[in-house]
Amino acid sequence: MITDDSQIQAEGVCRRKDFRRFFDQHELLMATCITMGGSFRDRVQNLSSKGVFLATSRNLSVGEEIAMTIAFPGSQTMIRATGEVIRANTQGVGVEFKVVFNY
């Protein structure tokens, strides 16, 4: 796992204002998502209080709305949220949370 602290030490600077947690292939965190194009399940690459980056090959567009549930393995904790795709590239999509539901 990589956190902002180790990234700050490596880069010497961090532009983000909120803490971001990174997940690698050894620590899988999956999101179940629903869009107008259908439903899918993909890996969470990183997560913060403001949003999430999904490692996906799905063709999602900037501005597209998405609903998601992220369940933490080995725990009853989950995040349910709606959001908007704010960044899309070949590695996946960045989603900014709009509404996070208490669960």
Protein backbone atom coordinates (compact mmCIF):
# COMPACT_ATOMS: atom_id res chain seq x y z
CA MET A 1 0.00 0.00 0.00
CA ILE A 2 1.18 3.51 -0.78
CA THR A 3 -0.05 6.52 1.16
CA ASP A 4 0.40 10.21 0.59
CA ASP A 5 3.11 10.26 3.29
CA SER A 6 5.41 7.96 1.32
CA GLN A 7 4.57 9.79 -1.90
CA ILE A 8 5.39 13.15 -0.28
CA GLN A 9 8.76 11.80 0.85
CA ALA A 10 9.47 10.44 -2.65
CA GLU A 11 8.37 13.58 -4.49
CA GLY A 12 9.12 16.15 -1.80
CA VAL A 13 5.73 17.79 -2.42
CA CYS A 14 2.05 16.87 -2.49
CA ARG A 15 -0.54 18.99 -4.32
CA ARG A 16 -3.54 17.29 -2.73
CA LYS A 17 -5.37 18.89 0.15
CA ASP A 18 -7.01 15.67 1.35
CA PHE A 19 -5.50 12.34 2.33
CA ARG A 20 -5.57 9.74 -0.43
CA ARG A 21 -5.24 5.99 0.20
CA PHE A 22 -3.74 3.89 -2.58
CA PHE A 23 -4.53 0.20 -3.08
CA ASP A 24 -2.39 -2.24 -5.06
CA GLN A 25 -3.08 -5.66 -6.56
CA HIS A 26 -2.24 -7.35 -3.25
CA GLU A 27 -4.85 -5.33 -1.37
CA LEU A 28 -7.89 -5.45 -3.64
CA LEU A 29 -10.74 -3.05 -3.04
CA MET A 30 -13.62 -3.39 -5.50
CA ALA A 31 -16.41 -0.99 -6.41
CA THR A 32 -19.78 -2.09 -7.76
CA CYS A 33 -20.93 0.67 -10.11
CA ILE A 34 -24.07 1.67 -12.00
CA THR A 35 -24.17 4.12 -14.92
CA MET A 36 -26.68 4.83 -17.67
CA GLY A 37 -24.71 2.29 -19.75
CA GLY A 38 -25.15 -0.54 -17.26
CA SER A 39 -23.51 -2.01 -14.18
CA PHE A 40 -19.98 -3.26 -13.64
CA ARG A 41 -17.43 -4.07 -10.95
CA ASP A 42 -13.86 -2.76 -11.04
CA ARG A 43 -10.83 -2.20 -8.81
CA VAL A 44 -10.39 0.94 -6.69
CA GLN A 45 -6.88 2.28 -7.28
CA ASN A 46 -7.15 5.10 -4.75
CA LEU A 47 -9.74 6.64 -2.46
CA SER A 48 -10.11 9.95 -0.63
CA SER A 49 -12.88 11.90 1.07
CA LYS A 50 -13.49 13.73 -2.22
CA GLY A 51 -13.57 10.81 -4.64
CA VAL A 52 -12.12 7.66 -6.09
CA PHE A 53 -10.00 6.50 -9.04
CA LEU A 54 -11.31 3.30 -10.64
CA ALA A 55 -8.90 1.14 -12.62
CA THR A 56 -11.24 0.29 -15.49
CA SER A 57 -11.20 -0.24 -19.21
CA ARG A 58 -14.83 0.89 -19.48
CA ASN A 59 -15.49 3.74 -21.87
CA LEU A 60 -16.86 6.36 -19.45
CA SER A 61 -17.05 10.03 -20.37
CA VAL A 62 -16.18 13.11 -18.34
CA GLY A 63 -19.42 14.43 -16.87
CA GLU A 64 -21.07 11.00 -16.73
CA GLU A 65 -22.95 10.23 -13.51
CA ILE A 66 -22.13 7.09 -11.57
CA ALA A 67 -23.48 5.37 -8.44
CA MET A 68 -21.20 3.04 -6.52
CA THR A 69 -20.88 0.81 -3.52
CA ILE A 70 -17.42 0.10 -2.12
CA ALA A 71 -17.34 -2.70 0.46
CA PHE A 72 -14.21 -3.12 2.57
CA PRO A 73 -13.14 -6.79 2.78
CA GLY A 74 -13.24 -8.35 6.23
CA SER A 75 -15.42 -5.54 7.54
CA GLN A 76 -19.05 -4.49 7.53
CA THR A 77 -17.95 -1.00 6.49
CA MET A 78 -19.01 0.23 3.08
CA ILE A 79 -19.30 3.46 1.14
CA ARG A 80 -22.35 4.20 -0.98
CA ALA A 81 -22.04 7.28 -3.13
CA THR A 82 -23.05 9.01 -6.30
CA GLY A 83 -20.55 10.99 -8.29
CA GLU A 84 -19.41 12.39 -11.59
CA VAL A 85 -16.53 11.30 -13.80
CA ILE A 86 -14.07 14.21 -13.79
CA ARG A 87 -11.12 12.50 -15.48
CA ALA A 88 -10.80 9.61 -17.91
CA ASN A 89 -7.67 8.03 -19.39
CA THR A 90 -6.38 4.62 -20.46
CA GLN A 91 -5.76 3.60 -16.81
CA GLY A 92 -9.30 4.36 -15.63
CA VAL A 93 -11.54 7.15 -14.39
CA GLY A 94 -11.47 9.69 -11.59
CA VAL A 95 -14.84 10.16 -9.91
CA GLU A 96 -15.69 13.11 -7.69
CA PHE A 97 -18.24 12.24 -5.01
CA LYS A 98 -21.45 14.30 -5.11
CA VAL A 99 -23.45 12.53 -2.38
CA VAL A 100 -22.10 10.01 0.14
CA PHE A 101 -24.78 8.02 1.94
CA ASN A 102 -24.46 6.85 5.54
CA TYR A 103 -24.68 3.08 5.70
